[in-house]
Each structure stands twice: as C-alpha cells, then as structure tokens.
Amino acid sequence: MLSYRHSFHAGNPADVLKHLVLAQVLGYQTIKDKPLDYIDTHSGAGFFELAAPDAQKTQEYQDGIEKLWQHTSQYSALNEYIELIKLFNESASLAFYPGSPKIAEHFLRRQDKGWFFELHPRDLVLLEENMQGRRSIRVRGENGFAGLIGLLPPASRRACVLIDPPYEIKDDYNTVLQTIVKAHQRFATGTYMIWYPVVDRERIDNMEQGLIDSGIRNIQLFELATEADTDVHGMTASGMIVINPPWKLKQAMDDVLPELVSLLSKPTGFYRSEQLVAE
C-alpha cells in the first residue's frame, strides 16, 4: 500500500506537465498580496538527486527534463518552467529535480501557508528535512485526502490545492472524485489541481464524467501522451485537471503542449487541452 516512491520517476514527462501547470497556477495566485493556503495531499520526499540509485534505476528523467534542459521555447510558460528547475541546480548540469513541495515553496511568500501530507515513512522523514526552516510550512504524516477536507475553508479564504496520489490503489480514482466534490462543497472558490496517470483509459473517462456530472463549474483538462493508449504496458500519458484555473492558463497550455509532444513523445503521442466544463 505504501510501496510507491516518486524518487524512481522524478523529472519524467508526467512531472514536466504537472509542474509546468503548478508553476503557472502558483505564479498567478501569488500576484495578489492577499495570503494564500497551498495544500499538497501527496507530497513525496520533495526533492530528488538524479544520480541517486532510485533515479538511475529507471532514468525516466532522460525522457523528460533532460530533453528540455538546453531547450529554448518561443513561449514564456515553458521557458519559465525550465528556468525554475535550473534554480535548484548549482551548476549548468542537470543534477537535481524538485518535487511539487519545493516548487510550491519557491512561490510561497511570508504571508502564505503551505500544508504538505505524506504517509510513506521514509519519504515523510525526507520531506521534513527538505521543508524545514520556514514557520509557515507544515508537514504532516497523515492521510492527505482527509487532511485536505480538514483544512477547508482556509482562514485566508484563498486556497490552491494539488491532489496527486500514486493511484496504486484502484479505489484512488473514486476517492479523488469524492474528495474533490466534498472539498468544493466546503470551499467552492479554491483552485484545485488533480494529477492523473493514463494506464487504463476507461478509468480516466469515468473520472472525467464524474466531474462533469458533479455540477462543479469551470474545469479544464490538460494531457500529455508520450505514445498512443495501450493495454500492453504501464503509463502512456498523464494529465492535470484544474478547477477554477487562472484565466491565462488555457492559452499557455494551448501554446506549450504541441511543443512538448514534439520534444518528449513518440510519433504516436498526442495532447489534450480542453474546457471540460464551462464557467
């Protein structure tokens, strides 16, 4: 149940998509001076050394961030993401990759609060080490789904949420849907980001339909497929569903996703950028 560790997958194409969207959303959310609560339900260790045994065993970063390392895009969203990752590397070489907690920490200001949940015992220790030093950040070894609900509505009345389970348990797809509906009932104006892997397309179709049927408005979906859907092996694509997205996000992803497909995907790869539910 707690076997998943993101250290094997850090910097892969799914991370590129997830963290590009996260950076765009947090960059927008922190323009205003008003305080913000950031909630990360499945944080992982938060920071990864790519020369470490876990990352070297799979070398998935070679199909993701490494292909972008020397790339310059015509679009600011992708360039900003690449420059953000470079901030976590002391030299011009790619050696480290930040998880969502460290990316969020980069954007959070003194008036903001960060809430980070992780259940894996080893990753929890690493997360605590990686996130120490700021009073406004809380690391909790608790169930992130329940933890999210317990924090809503936030005292700041502004929230940005990342729901990013490993989906090791098949029920996680339903749990994500149930959690987001409950969270939205408690705090409808928050920005909610849901990451998902495409291993079985039917599960994603069901989750999308569940969101459409929920009555929640203003939902966008962004997906990057490195190859065509298949029943033969593992993850072929991943996506981010964003509820109450920043108004510029859709245009930024419309620009960047075709470029990411050309850089990171096989010839059968594709992208999706959709307004799943209107405002």
C-alpha atoms as a PDB file:
ATOM      1  CA  MET A   1       0.000   0.000   0.000  1.00  0.00           C
ATOM      2  CA  LEU A   2       2.890   2.373   0.718  1.00  0.00           C
ATOM      3  CA  SER A   3       5.340   0.965  -1.818  1.00  0.00           C
ATOM      4  CA  TYR A   4       5.250   3.898  -4.259  1.00  0.00           C
ATOM      5  CA  ARG A   5       8.211   6.284  -4.137  1.00  0.00           C
ATOM      6  CA  HIS A   6       8.468   9.139  -6.577  1.00  0.00           C
ATOM      7  CA  SER A   7      12.273   9.052  -6.489  1.00  0.00           C
ATOM      8  CA  PHE A   8      12.133   6.446  -9.287  1.00  0.00           C
ATOM      9  CA  HIS A   9      10.119   8.765 -11.543  1.00  0.00           C
ATOM     10  CA  ALA A  10      11.412  12.273 -10.778  1.00  0.00           C
ATOM     11  CA  GLY A  11      11.693  14.552 -13.784  1.00  0.00           C
ATOM     12  CA  ASN A  12       9.819  12.304 -16.210  1.00  0.00           C
ATOM     13  CA  PRO A  13       7.307  13.686 -18.768  1.00  0.00           C
ATOM     14  CA  ALA A  14       4.482  13.422 -16.226  1.00  0.00           C
ATOM     15  CA  ASP A  15       6.463  15.638 -13.844  1.00  0.00           C
ATOM     16  CA  VAL A  16       7.123  18.120 -16.628  1.00  0.00           C
ATOM     17  CA  LEU A  17       3.409  18.532 -17.277  1.00  0.00           C
ATOM     18  CA  LYS A  18       2.409  18.529 -13.610  1.00  0.00           C
ATOM     19  CA  HIS A  19       4.996  21.050 -12.503  1.00  0.00           C
ATOM     20  CA  LEU A  20       4.581  23.321 -15.500  1.00  0.00           C
ATOM     21  CA  VAL A  21       0.873  23.647 -14.656  1.00  0.00           C
ATOM     22  CA  LEU A  22       1.639  24.015 -10.933  1.00  0.00           C
ATOM     23  CA  ALA A  23       4.132  26.808 -11.605  1.00  0.00           C
ATOM     24  CA  GLN A  24       1.699  28.648 -13.861  1.00  0.00           C
ATOM     25  CA  VAL A  25      -1.094  28.424 -11.283  1.00  0.00           C
ATOM     26  CA  LEU A  26       1.050  29.464  -8.301  1.00  0.00           C
ATOM     27  CA  GLY A  27       2.692  32.258 -10.260  1.00  0.00           C
ATOM     28  CA  TYR A  28      -0.752  33.701 -10.906  1.00  0.00           C
ATOM     29  CA  GLN A  29      -2.080  33.064  -7.392  1.00  0.00           C
ATOM     30  CA  THR A  30       0.797  34.929  -5.752  1.00  0.00           C
ATOM     31  CA  ILE A  31       0.450  38.121  -7.782  1.00  0.00           C
ATOM     32  CA  LYS A  32      -2.047  39.486  -5.256  1.00  0.00           C
ATOM     33  CA  ASP A  33      -0.732  40.459  -1.817  1.00  0.00           C
ATOM     34  CA  LYS A  34      -3.521  38.579  -0.061  1.00  0.00           C
ATOM     35  CA  PRO A  35      -2.444  35.430   1.850  1.00  0.00           C
ATOM     36  CA  LEU A  36      -2.785  32.025   0.197  1.00  0.00           C
ATOM     37  CA  ASP A  37      -3.032  28.497   1.580  1.00  0.00           C
ATOM     38  CA  TYR A  38      -1.303  25.839  -0.536  1.00  0.00           C
ATOM     39  CA  ILE A  39      -2.284  22.229   0.198  1.00  0.00           C
ATOM     40  CA  ASP A  40      -0.378  19.245  -1.243  1.00  0.00           C
ATOM     41  CA  THR A  41      -2.148  15.968  -0.448  1.00  0.00           C
ATOM     42  CA  HIS A  42       0.557  13.505  -1.560  1.00  0.00           C
ATOM     43  CA  SER A  43       3.872  15.312  -1.267  1.00  0.00           C
ATOM     44  CA  GLY A  44       6.546  12.626  -1.541  1.00  0.00           C
ATOM     45  CA  ALA A  45      10.108  13.464  -0.471  1.00  0.00           C
ATOM     46  CA  GLY A  46      10.002  16.862  -2.179  1.00  0.00           C
ATOM     47  CA  PHE A  47      13.487  16.911  -3.703  1.00  0.00           C
ATOM     48  CA  PHE A  48      15.489  14.379  -5.727  1.00  0.00           C
ATOM     49  CA  GLU A  49      19.102  13.768  -6.671  1.00  0.00           C
ATOM     50  CA  LEU A  50      19.150  12.326 -10.175  1.00  0.00           C
ATOM     51  CA  ALA A  51      22.449  10.493  -9.631  1.00  0.00           C
ATOM     52  CA  ALA A  52      20.906   8.546  -6.735  1.00  0.00           C
ATOM     53  CA  PRO A  53      20.226   4.796  -7.208  1.00  0.00           C
ATOM     54  CA  ASP A  54      16.434   5.161  -7.455  1.00  0.00           C
ATOM     55  CA  ALA A  55      16.531   7.707 -10.282  1.00  0.00           C
ATOM     56  CA  GLN A  56      19.347   5.850 -12.025  1.00  0.00           C
ATOM     57  CA  LYS A  57      17.468   2.577 -11.917  1.00  0.00           C
ATOM     58  CA  THR A  58      14.720   3.888 -14.214  1.00  0.00           C
ATOM     59  CA  GLN A  59      16.362   7.021 -15.681  1.00  0.00           C
ATOM     60  CA  GLU A  60      12.915   8.372 -16.538  1.00  0.00           C
ATOM     61  CA  TYR A  61      14.221  11.937 -16.255  1.00  0.00           C
ATOM     62  CA  GLN A  62      16.110  11.310 -19.508  1.00  0.00           C
ATOM     63  CA  ASP A  63      12.772  11.236 -21.320  1.00  0.00           C
ATOM     64  CA  GLY A  64      11.555  14.379 -19.552  1.00  0.00           C
ATOM     65  CA  ILE A  65      13.504  17.273 -18.055  1.00  0.00           C
ATOM     66  CA  GLU A  66      16.813  16.228 -19.633  1.00  0.00           C
ATOM     67  CA  LYS A  67      15.355  16.697 -23.125  1.00  0.00           C
ATOM     68  CA  LEU A  68      14.310  20.238 -22.163  1.00  0.00           C
ATOM     69  CA  TRP A  69      17.480  21.235 -20.323  1.00  0.00           C
ATOM     70  CA  GLN A  70      19.106  23.095 -23.228  1.00  0.00           C
ATOM     71  CA  HIS A  71      15.843  23.949 -24.979  1.00  0.00           C
ATOM     72  CA  THR A  72      14.615  27.484 -25.568  1.00  0.00           C
ATOM     73  CA  SER A  73      10.938  27.862 -26.398  1.00  0.00           C
ATOM     74  CA  GLN A  74       9.141  30.686 -28.133  1.00  0.00           C
ATOM     75  CA  TYR A  75       6.633  30.539 -25.269  1.00  0.00           C
ATOM     76  CA  SER A  76       7.296  32.037 -21.841  1.00  0.00           C
ATOM     77  CA  ALA A  77       5.443  29.347 -19.881  1.00  0.00           C
ATOM     78  CA  LEU A  78       7.863  26.594 -20.922  1.00  0.00           C
ATOM     79  CA  ASN A  79      10.942  28.808 -20.559  1.00  0.00           C
ATOM     80  CA  GLU A  80       9.844  29.817 -17.061  1.00  0.00           C
ATOM     81  CA  TYR A  81       9.454  26.171 -16.064  1.00  0.00           C
ATOM     82  CA  ILE A  82      12.918  25.260 -17.363  1.00  0.00           C
ATOM     83  CA  GLU A  83      14.497  28.241 -15.609  1.00  0.00           C
ATOM     84  CA  LEU A  84      12.684  27.295 -12.400  1.00  0.00           C
ATOM     85  CA  ILE A  85      14.207  23.802 -12.433  1.00  0.00           C
ATOM     86  CA  LYS A  86      17.635  25.307 -13.129  1.00  0.00           C
ATOM     87  CA  LEU A  87      17.345  27.338  -9.916  1.00  0.00           C
ATOM     88  CA  PHE A  88      17.589  24.065  -7.979  1.00  0.00           C
ATOM     89  CA  ASN A  89      20.846  23.105  -9.708  1.00  0.00           C
ATOM     90  CA  GLU A  90      24.089  24.728  -8.609  1.00  0.00           C
ATOM     91  CA  SER A  91      25.841  24.254 -11.941  1.00  0.00           C
ATOM     92  CA  ALA A  92      24.864  24.249 -15.590  1.00  0.00           C
ATOM     93  CA  SER A  93      24.443  20.462 -15.416  1.00  0.00           C
ATOM     94  CA  LEU A  94      21.181  18.734 -14.527  1.00  0.00           C
ATOM     95  CA  ALA A  95      21.731  17.058 -11.154  1.00  0.00           C
ATOM     96  CA  PHE A  96      18.619  17.679  -9.066  1.00  0.00           C
ATOM     97  CA  TYR A  97      14.879  17.796  -9.625  1.00  0.00           C
ATOM     98  CA  PRO A  98      12.391  19.461  -7.244  1.00  0.00           C
ATOM     99  CA  GLY A  99       9.105  17.804  -6.377  1.00  0.00           C
ATOM    100  CA  SER A 100       5.902  19.783  -6.001  1.00  0.00           C
ATOM    101  CA  PRO A 101       6.674  20.803  -2.358  1.00  0.00           C
ATOM    102  CA  LYS A 102       9.903  22.582  -3.307  1.00  0.00           C
ATOM    103  CA  ILE A 103       8.290  24.160  -6.363  1.00  0.00           C
ATOM    104  CA  ALA A 104       5.468  25.431  -4.167  1.00  0.00           C
ATOM    105  CA  GLU A 105       7.938  26.684  -1.567  1.00  0.00           C
ATOM    106  CA  HIS A 106       9.621  28.756  -4.263  1.00  0.00           C
ATOM    107  CA  PHE A 107       6.384  30.672  -4.849  1.00  0.00           C
ATOM    108  CA  LEU A 108       5.031  30.894  -1.299  1.00  0.00           C
ATOM    109  CA  ARG A 109       5.583  34.204   0.445  1.00  0.00           C
ATOM    110  CA  ARG A 110       5.826  35.148   4.113  1.00  0.00           C
ATOM    111  CA  GLN A 111       2.066  35.691   4.377  1.00  0.00           C
ATOM    112  CA  ASP A 112       1.227  32.312   2.800  1.00  0.00           C
ATOM    113  CA  LYS A 113       0.909  28.880   4.392  1.00  0.00           C
ATOM    114  CA  GLY A 114       1.951  25.528   2.957  1.00  0.00           C
ATOM    115  CA  TRP A 115       0.443  22.207   4.058  1.00  0.00           C
ATOM    116  CA  PHE A 116       2.218  19.023   2.948  1.00  0.00           C
ATOM    117  CA  PHE A 117       0.929  15.494   3.576  1.00  0.00           C
ATOM    118  CA  GLU A 118       2.855  12.231   3.170  1.00  0.00           C
ATOM    119  CA  LEU A 119       2.275   8.726   4.559  1.00  0.00           C
ATOM    120  CA  HIS A 120       5.340   6.802   3.339  1.00  0.00           C
ATOM    121  CA  PRO A 121       7.585   6.690   6.446  1.00  0.00           C
ATOM    122  CA  ARG A 122      10.910   7.184   4.661  1.00  0.00           C
ATOM    123  CA  ASP A 123       9.620   9.896   2.348  1.00  0.00           C
ATOM    124  CA  LEU A 124       7.997  11.647   5.312  1.00  0.00           C
ATOM    125  CA  VAL A 125      11.410  11.920   7.011  1.00  0.00           C
ATOM    126  CA  LEU A 126      12.963  13.256   3.815  1.00  0.00           C
ATOM    127  CA  LEU A 127      10.095  15.688   3.306  1.00  0.00           C
ATOM    128  CA  GLU A 128      10.526  17.049   6.824  1.00  0.00           C
ATOM    129  CA  GLU A 129      14.238  17.541   6.151  1.00  0.00           C
ATOM    130  CA  ASN A 130      13.657  19.174   2.789  1.00  0.00           C
ATOM    131  CA  MET A 131      10.957  21.551   4.020  1.00  0.00           C
ATOM    132  CA  GLN A 132      12.419  22.662   7.344  1.00  0.00           C
ATOM    133  CA  GLY A 133      13.269  26.245   8.126  1.00  0.00           C
ATOM    134  CA  ARG A 134      10.010  28.092   7.453  1.00  0.00           C
ATOM    135  CA  ARG A 135       7.379  28.613  10.124  1.00  0.00           C
ATOM    136  CA  SER A 136       4.623  28.953   7.563  1.00  0.00           C
ATOM    137  CA  ILE A 137       5.131  25.385   6.287  1.00  0.00           C
ATOM    138  CA  ARG A 138       3.526  22.354   7.931  1.00  0.00           C
ATOM    139  CA  VAL A 139       4.476  18.743   7.135  1.00  0.00           C
ATOM    140  CA  ARG A 140       2.050  16.086   8.324  1.00  0.00           C
ATOM    141  CA  GLY A 141       2.318  12.303   8.278  1.00  0.00           C
ATOM    142  CA  GLU A 142      -1.408  11.916   7.691  1.00  0.00           C
ATOM    143  CA  ASN A 143      -3.870  10.871   5.011  1.00  0.00           C
ATOM    144  CA  GLY A 144      -3.859  13.745   2.547  1.00  0.00           C
ATOM    145  CA  PHE A 145      -7.443  13.247   1.388  1.00  0.00           C
ATOM    146  CA  ALA A 146      -8.773  13.648   4.932  1.00  0.00           C
ATOM    147  CA  GLY A 147      -6.214  16.344   5.686  1.00  0.00           C
ATOM    148  CA  LEU A 148      -7.437  18.471   2.792  1.00  0.00           C
ATOM    149  CA  ILE A 149     -11.050  18.367   3.953  1.00  0.00           C
ATOM    150  CA  GLY A 150      -9.980  19.280   7.475  1.00  0.00           C
ATOM    151  CA  LEU A 151      -8.283  22.458   6.235  1.00  0.00           C
ATOM    152  CA  LEU A 152     -11.254  23.804   4.306  1.00  0.00           C
ATOM    153  CA  PRO A 153     -12.373  26.511   4.251  1.00  0.00           C
ATOM    154  CA  PRO A 154      -8.961  28.095   4.895  1.00  0.00           C
ATOM    155  CA  ALA A 155      -8.565  31.102   7.163  1.00  0.00           C
ATOM    156  CA  SER A 156      -7.064  33.055   4.264  1.00  0.00           C
ATOM    157  CA  ARG A 157     -10.181  32.430   2.135  1.00  0.00           C
ATOM    158  CA  ARG A 158      -7.802  31.638  -0.742  1.00  0.00           C
ATOM    159  CA  ALA A 159      -6.579  28.111  -1.474  1.00  0.00           C
ATOM    160  CA  CYS A 160      -4.559  26.309  -4.119  1.00  0.00           C
ATOM    161  CA  VAL A 161      -4.699  22.511  -3.876  1.00  0.00           C
ATOM    162  CA  LEU A 162      -2.701  19.747  -5.585  1.00  0.00           C
ATOM    163  CA  ILE A 163      -4.182  16.244  -5.375  1.00  0.00           C
ATOM    164  CA  ASP A 164      -1.503  13.869  -6.609  1.00  0.00           C
ATOM    165  CA  PRO A 165      -1.919  10.268  -5.358  1.00  0.00           C
ATOM    166  CA  PRO A 166       0.115   7.446  -6.929  1.00  0.00           C
ATOM    167  CA  TYR A 167      -3.109   5.580  -7.838  1.00  0.00           C
ATOM    168  CA  GLU A 168      -1.569   2.327  -6.560  1.00  0.00           C
ATOM    169  CA  ILE A 169      -4.990   1.509  -5.156  1.00  0.00           C
ATOM    170  CA  LYS A 170      -7.707   1.308  -7.805  1.00  0.00           C
ATOM    171  CA  ASP A 171     -10.145   2.990  -5.422  1.00  0.00           C
ATOM    172  CA  ASP A 172      -7.966   6.121  -5.554  1.00  0.00           C
ATOM    173  CA  TYR A 173      -9.766   7.236  -8.725  1.00  0.00           C
ATOM    174  CA  ASN A 174     -13.101   7.219  -6.890  1.00  0.00           C
ATOM    175  CA  THR A 175     -11.528   8.666  -3.746  1.00  0.00           C
ATOM    176  CA  VAL A 176     -10.153  11.584  -5.742  1.00  0.00           C
ATOM    177  CA  LEU A 177     -13.579  12.290  -7.204  1.00  0.00           C
ATOM    178  CA  GLN A 178     -15.342  12.007  -3.837  1.00  0.00           C
ATOM    179  CA  THR A 179     -12.725  14.183  -2.147  1.00  0.00           C
ATOM    180  CA  ILE A 180     -12.865  16.940  -4.745  1.00  0.00           C
ATOM    181  CA  VAL A 181     -16.674  17.075  -4.585  1.00  0.00           C
ATOM    182  CA  LYS A 182     -16.570  17.339  -0.800  1.00  0.00           C
ATOM    183  CA  ALA A 183     -13.776  19.913  -0.900  1.00  0.00           C
ATOM    184  CA  HIS A 184     -15.659  22.012  -3.440  1.00  0.00           C
ATOM    185  CA  GLN A 185     -18.781  21.913  -1.268  1.00  0.00           C
ATOM    186  CA  ARG A 186     -16.739  23.300   1.634  1.00  0.00           C
ATOM    187  CA  PHE A 187     -14.818  25.847  -0.411  1.00  0.00           C
ATOM    188  CA  ALA A 188     -16.086  26.453  -3.935  1.00  0.00           C
ATOM    189  CA  THR A 189     -13.703  29.272  -4.891  1.00  0.00           C
ATOM    190  CA  GLY A 190     -10.438  27.370  -4.380  1.00  0.00           C
ATOM    191  CA  THR A 191      -8.221  26.330  -7.263  1.00  0.00           C
ATOM    192  CA  TYR A 192      -7.953  22.530  -7.353  1.00  0.00           C
ATOM    193  CA  MET A 193      -5.429  20.611  -9.455  1.00  0.00           C
ATOM    194  CA  ILE A 194      -5.805  16.850  -9.955  1.00  0.00           C
ATOM    195  CA  TRP A 195      -2.958  14.882 -11.490  1.00  0.00           C
ATOM    196  CA  TYR A 196      -3.774  11.531 -13.095  1.00  0.00           C
ATOM    197  CA  PRO A 197      -1.884   8.770 -14.964  1.00  0.00           C
ATOM    198  CA  VAL A 198      -3.300   7.111 -18.052  1.00  0.00           C
ATOM    199  CA  VAL A 199      -2.800   3.390 -17.560  1.00  0.00           C
ATOM    200  CA  ASP A 200      -6.395   2.365 -18.187  1.00  0.00           C
ATOM    201  CA  ARG A 201      -8.227   4.968 -20.305  1.00  0.00           C
ATOM    202  CA  GLU A 202     -11.611   3.807 -19.049  1.00  0.00           C
ATOM    203  CA  ARG A 203     -10.755   4.890 -15.504  1.00  0.00           C
ATOM    204  CA  ILE A 204      -9.902   8.382 -16.730  1.00  0.00           C
ATOM    205  CA  ASP A 205     -13.063   8.564 -18.813  1.00  0.00           C
ATOM    206  CA  ASN A 206     -15.086   7.624 -15.727  1.00  0.00           C
ATOM    207  CA  MET A 207     -13.325  10.226 -13.581  1.00  0.00           C
ATOM    208  CA  GLU A 208     -13.914  12.926 -16.197  1.00  0.00           C
ATOM    209  CA  GLN A 209     -17.585  12.021 -16.461  1.00  0.00           C
ATOM    210  CA  GLY A 210     -17.901  12.033 -12.698  1.00  0.00           C
ATOM    211  CA  LEU A 211     -16.561  15.585 -12.590  1.00  0.00           C
ATOM    212  CA  ILE A 212     -18.868  16.669 -15.395  1.00  0.00           C
ATOM    213  CA  ASP A 213     -21.849  15.147 -13.567  1.00  0.00           C
ATOM    214  CA  SER A 214     -20.839  16.671 -10.212  1.00  0.00           C
ATOM    215  CA  GLY A 215     -22.186  20.123 -11.040  1.00  0.00           C
ATOM    216  CA  ILE A 216     -18.782  21.761 -10.478  1.00  0.00           C
ATOM    217  CA  ARG A 217     -18.167  24.543 -12.981  1.00  0.00           C
ATOM    218  CA  ASN A 218     -15.067  25.867 -14.746  1.00  0.00           C
ATOM    219  CA  ILE A 219     -12.967  22.732 -15.202  1.00  0.00           C
ATOM    220  CA  GLN A 220     -10.063  22.486 -17.632  1.00  0.00           C
ATOM    221  CA  LEU A 221      -8.062  19.386 -18.629  1.00  0.00           C
ATOM    222  CA  PHE A 222      -4.512  19.176 -19.951  1.00  0.00           C
ATOM    223  CA  GLU A 223      -2.945  15.890 -21.019  1.00  0.00           C
ATOM    224  CA  LEU A 224       0.418  14.879 -22.459  1.00  0.00           C
ATOM    225  CA  ALA A 225       0.662  11.433 -24.058  1.00  0.00           C
ATOM    226  CA  THR A 226       4.122  10.168 -24.930  1.00  0.00           C
ATOM    227  CA  GLU A 227       2.549   7.389 -27.016  1.00  0.00           C
ATOM    228  CA  ALA A 228      -0.854   6.061 -28.027  1.00  0.00           C
ATOM    229  CA  ASP A 229      -3.088   4.402 -25.431  1.00  0.00           C
ATOM    230  CA  THR A 230      -2.330   0.714 -24.982  1.00  0.00           C
ATOM    231  CA  ASP A 231      -3.370  -2.183 -22.770  1.00  0.00           C
ATOM    232  CA  VAL A 232       0.053  -3.802 -23.051  1.00  0.00           C
ATOM    233  CA  HIS A 233       2.192  -1.848 -20.593  1.00  0.00           C
ATOM    234  CA  GLY A 234       2.139   0.936 -17.986  1.00  0.00           C
ATOM    235  CA  MET A 235       1.517   4.628 -18.193  1.00  0.00           C
ATOM    236  CA  THR A 236       1.313   6.140 -21.682  1.00  0.00           C
ATOM    237  CA  ALA A 237       0.078   9.602 -20.700  1.00  0.00           C
ATOM    238  CA  SER A 238      -0.686  11.810 -17.759  1.00  0.00           C
ATOM    239  CA  GLY A 239      -2.882  14.804 -17.200  1.00  0.00           C
ATOM    240  CA  MET A 240      -3.837  17.689 -14.976  1.00  0.00           C
ATOM    241  CA  ILE A 241      -7.452  18.642 -14.306  1.00  0.00           C
ATOM    242  CA  VAL A 242      -7.789  22.177 -12.963  1.00  0.00           C
ATOM    243  CA  ILE A 243     -10.903  23.572 -11.299  1.00  0.00           C
ATOM    244  CA  ASN A 244     -11.158  27.383 -11.172  1.00  0.00           C
ATOM    245  CA  PRO A 245      -7.980  27.831 -13.256  1.00  0.00           C
ATOM    246  CA  PRO A 246      -6.232  31.161 -13.792  1.00  0.00           C
ATOM    247  CA  TRP A 247      -7.693  32.868 -16.825  1.00  0.00           C
ATOM    248  CA  LYS A 248      -4.421  32.690 -18.809  1.00  0.00           C
ATOM    249  CA  LEU A 249      -3.719  29.008 -18.148  1.00  0.00           C
ATOM    250  CA  LYS A 250      -5.654  27.583 -21.105  1.00  0.00           C
ATOM    251  CA  GLN A 251      -3.869  29.792 -23.635  1.00  0.00           C
ATOM    252  CA  ALA A 252      -0.472  28.982 -22.124  1.00  0.00           C
ATOM    253  CA  MET A 253      -1.126  25.244 -22.343  1.00  0.00           C
ATOM    254  CA  ASP A 254      -2.549  25.536 -25.865  1.00  0.00           C
ATOM    255  CA  ASP A 255       0.801  27.081 -26.828  1.00  0.00           C
ATOM    256  CA  VAL A 256       3.106  24.724 -24.961  1.00  0.00           C
ATOM    257  CA  LEU A 257       1.520  21.275 -25.295  1.00  0.00           C
ATOM    258  CA  PRO A 258       2.176  20.803 -29.053  1.00  0.00           C
ATOM    259  CA  GLU A 259       5.816  21.688 -28.411  1.00  0.00           C
ATOM    260  CA  LEU A 260       6.045  19.204 -25.522  1.00  0.00           C
ATOM    261  CA  VAL A 261       4.619  16.465 -27.740  1.00  0.00           C
ATOM    262  CA  SER A 262       7.242  17.176 -30.394  1.00  0.00           C
ATOM    263  CA  LEU A 263      10.042  17.135 -27.810  1.00  0.00           C
ATOM    264  CA  LEU A 264       9.020  14.347 -25.436  1.00  0.00           C
ATOM    265  CA  SER A 265       6.685  11.976 -27.293  1.00  0.00           C
ATOM    266  CA  LYS A 266       6.926   9.145 -29.767  1.00  0.00           C
ATOM    267  CA  PRO A 267       5.278   9.639 -33.206  1.00  0.00           C
ATOM    268  CA  THR A 268       2.019   8.240 -31.787  1.00  0.00           C
ATOM    269  CA  GLY A 269       1.993  10.782 -28.928  1.00  0.00           C
ATOM    270  CA  PHE A 270      -0.677  13.443 -28.608  1.00  0.00           C
ATOM    271  CA  TYR A 271      -2.050  16.119 -26.299  1.00  0.00           C
ATOM    272  CA  ARG A 272      -5.396  17.302 -25.000  1.00  0.00           C
ATOM    273  CA  SER A 273      -6.295  20.813 -23.909  1.00  0.00           C
ATOM    274  CA  GLU A 274      -9.996  21.078 -23.136  1.00  0.00           C
ATOM    275  CA  GLN A 275     -12.541  23.141 -21.289  1.00  0.00           C
ATOM    276  CA  LEU A 276     -14.155  20.124 -19.670  1.00  0.00           C
ATOM    277  CA  VAL A 277     -16.922  22.177 -18.009  1.00  0.00           C
ATOM    278  CA  ALA A 278     -17.734  25.797 -18.813  1.00  0.00           C
ATOM    279  CA  GLU A 279     -17.558  28.605 -16.264  1.00  0.00           C
END
